[in-house]
Amino acid sequence: MTFKGEIVERVSKNGKPYKALELTLYGNVKKLVFLNDAEIELLKMNNISK
């Protein structure tokens, strides 16, 4: 299986900004995966190298 994913920036109910990985599983079914800053940077580095 292959999933489409992108890093999204959102604002929490408390008004704090955060980043998460949004996976599109199929159709309109999406799943947010919360990552720490280091994990997000690793994903960015991996994406640049492709």
N, C-alpha and C. Protein backbone atom coordinates (compact mmCIF):
# COMPACT_ATOMS: atom_id res chain seq x y z
N MET A 1 0.83 -1.19 0.00
CA MET A 1 0.00 0.00 0.00
C MET A 1 0.87 1.25 0.00
N THR A 2 0.40 2.25 -0.69
CA THR A 2 1.07 3.54 -0.71
C THR A 2 0.09 4.60 -0.25
N PHE A 3 0.55 5.45 0.66
CA PHE A 3 -0.30 6.52 1.17
C PHE A 3 0.30 7.86 0.80
N LYS A 4 -0.56 8.83 0.56
CA LYS A 4 -0.11 10.20 0.34
C LYS A 4 -0.04 10.86 1.70
N GLY A 5 1.04 11.60 1.94
CA GLY A 5 1.17 12.30 3.21
C GLY A 5 1.76 13.67 3.01
N GLU A 6 1.36 14.60 3.85
CA GLU A 6 1.95 15.93 3.81
C GLU A 6 1.98 16.51 5.22
N ILE A 7 2.95 17.38 5.44
CA ILE A 7 3.07 18.05 6.73
C ILE A 7 2.14 19.26 6.69
N VAL A 8 1.25 19.34 7.68
CA VAL A 8 0.29 20.44 7.75
C VAL A 8 0.52 21.24 9.03
N GLU A 9 0.19 22.50 8.95
CA GLU A 9 0.25 23.37 10.12
C GLU A 9 -1.17 23.74 10.51
N ARG A 10 -1.48 23.55 11.77
CA ARG A 10 -2.82 23.83 12.28
C ARG A 10 -2.72 24.59 13.59
N VAL A 11 -3.87 25.03 14.08
CA VAL A 11 -3.94 25.72 15.36
C VAL A 11 -4.86 24.90 16.28
N SER A 12 -4.38 24.62 17.48
CA SER A 12 -5.16 23.83 18.44
C SER A 12 -6.33 24.65 18.98
N LYS A 13 -7.20 23.98 19.72
CA LYS A 13 -8.33 24.66 20.35
C LYS A 13 -7.86 25.73 21.33
N ASN A 14 -6.66 25.54 21.88
CA ASN A 14 -6.09 26.49 22.82
C ASN A 14 -5.40 27.66 22.12
N GLY A 15 -5.36 27.64 20.79
CA GLY A 15 -4.75 28.71 20.03
C GLY A 15 -3.27 28.54 19.76
N LYS A 16 -2.72 27.36 20.07
CA LYS A 16 -1.30 27.11 19.84
C LYS A 16 -1.09 26.44 18.48
N PRO A 17 -0.15 26.95 17.69
CA PRO A 17 0.13 26.32 16.39
C PRO A 17 0.89 25.00 16.58
N TYR A 18 0.65 24.06 15.68
CA TYR A 18 1.38 22.80 15.70
C TYR A 18 1.49 22.26 14.29
N LYS A 19 2.41 21.32 14.11
CA LYS A 19 2.59 20.65 12.82
C LYS A 19 2.29 19.17 13.03
N ALA A 20 1.73 18.56 11.99
CA ALA A 20 1.44 17.13 12.04
C ALA A 20 1.55 16.56 10.63
N LEU A 21 1.68 15.27 10.55
CA LEU A 21 1.68 14.57 9.27
C LEU A 21 0.26 14.13 8.98
N GLU A 22 -0.30 14.57 7.86
CA GLU A 22 -1.66 14.19 7.48
C GLU A 22 -1.58 13.14 6.38
N LEU A 23 -2.02 11.93 6.69
CA LEU A 23 -2.01 10.83 5.73
C LEU A 23 -3.38 10.70 5.10
N THR A 24 -3.41 10.57 3.79
CA THR A 24 -4.65 10.28 3.08
C THR A 24 -4.64 8.77 2.82
N LEU A 25 -5.52 8.06 3.51
CA LEU A 25 -5.52 6.60 3.43
C LEU A 25 -6.20 6.12 2.15
N TYR A 26 -7.40 6.59 1.90
CA TYR A 26 -8.10 6.31 0.66
C TYR A 26 -9.29 7.25 0.58
N GLY A 27 -9.64 7.67 -0.62
CA GLY A 27 -10.75 8.59 -0.78
C GLY A 27 -10.57 9.83 0.08
N ASN A 28 -11.55 10.10 0.91
CA ASN A 28 -11.50 11.26 1.79
C ASN A 28 -11.13 10.90 3.22
N VAL A 29 -10.63 9.71 3.44
CA VAL A 29 -10.28 9.27 4.79
C VAL A 29 -8.86 9.75 5.10
N LYS A 30 -8.75 10.61 6.12
CA LYS A 30 -7.47 11.18 6.49
C LYS A 30 -7.17 10.89 7.95
N LYS A 31 -5.88 10.80 8.26
CA LYS A 31 -5.43 10.53 9.62
C LYS A 31 -4.30 11.48 9.96
N LEU A 32 -4.42 12.19 11.08
CA LEU A 32 -3.35 13.05 11.56
C LEU A 32 -2.41 12.25 12.45
N VAL A 33 -1.11 12.39 12.20
CA VAL A 33 -0.09 11.74 13.01
C VAL A 33 0.75 12.85 13.62
N PHE A 34 0.74 12.93 14.94
CA PHE A 34 1.47 13.99 15.63
C PHE A 34 2.92 13.57 15.82
N LEU A 35 3.82 14.46 15.40
CA LEU A 35 5.25 14.18 15.44
C LEU A 35 5.97 15.29 16.21
N ASN A 36 7.13 14.95 16.75
CA ASN A 36 7.93 15.99 17.38
C ASN A 36 8.76 16.70 16.30
N ASP A 37 9.44 17.76 16.67
CA ASP A 37 10.19 18.57 15.70
C ASP A 37 11.26 17.77 14.95
N ALA A 38 11.96 16.90 15.66
CA ALA A 38 13.02 16.10 15.03
C ALA A 38 12.45 15.16 13.97
N GLU A 39 11.33 14.54 14.26
CA GLU A 39 10.70 13.63 13.29
C GLU A 39 10.23 14.38 12.05
N ILE A 40 9.71 15.58 12.23
CA ILE A 40 9.27 16.39 11.09
C ILE A 40 10.47 16.77 10.23
N GLU A 41 11.58 17.16 10.86
CA GLU A 41 12.78 17.52 10.10
C GLU A 41 13.33 16.33 9.33
N LEU A 42 13.28 15.13 9.92
CA LEU A 42 13.73 13.93 9.21
C LEU A 42 12.87 13.67 7.96
N LEU A 43 11.57 13.87 8.09
CA LEU A 43 10.69 13.70 6.93
C LEU A 43 11.01 14.72 5.84
N LYS A 44 11.26 15.95 6.23
CA LYS A 44 11.62 16.99 5.26
C LYS A 44 12.91 16.63 4.55
N MET A 45 13.91 16.15 5.29
CA MET A 45 15.20 15.76 4.69
C MET A 45 15.02 14.60 3.72
N ASN A 46 14.19 13.65 4.09
CA ASN A 46 13.95 12.49 3.23
C ASN A 46 13.26 12.91 1.95
N ASN A 47 12.34 13.83 2.04
CA ASN A 47 11.60 14.31 0.88
C ASN A 47 12.51 15.07 -0.08
N ILE A 48 13.45 15.84 0.44
CA ILE A 48 14.36 16.62 -0.39
C ILE A 48 15.30 15.70 -1.17
N SER A 49 15.69 14.58 -0.57
CA SER A 49 16.67 13.70 -1.20
C SER A 49 16.08 12.87 -2.33
N LYS A 50 14.77 12.87 -2.51
CA LYS A 50 14.16 12.06 -3.57
C LYS A 50 14.13 12.78 -4.88
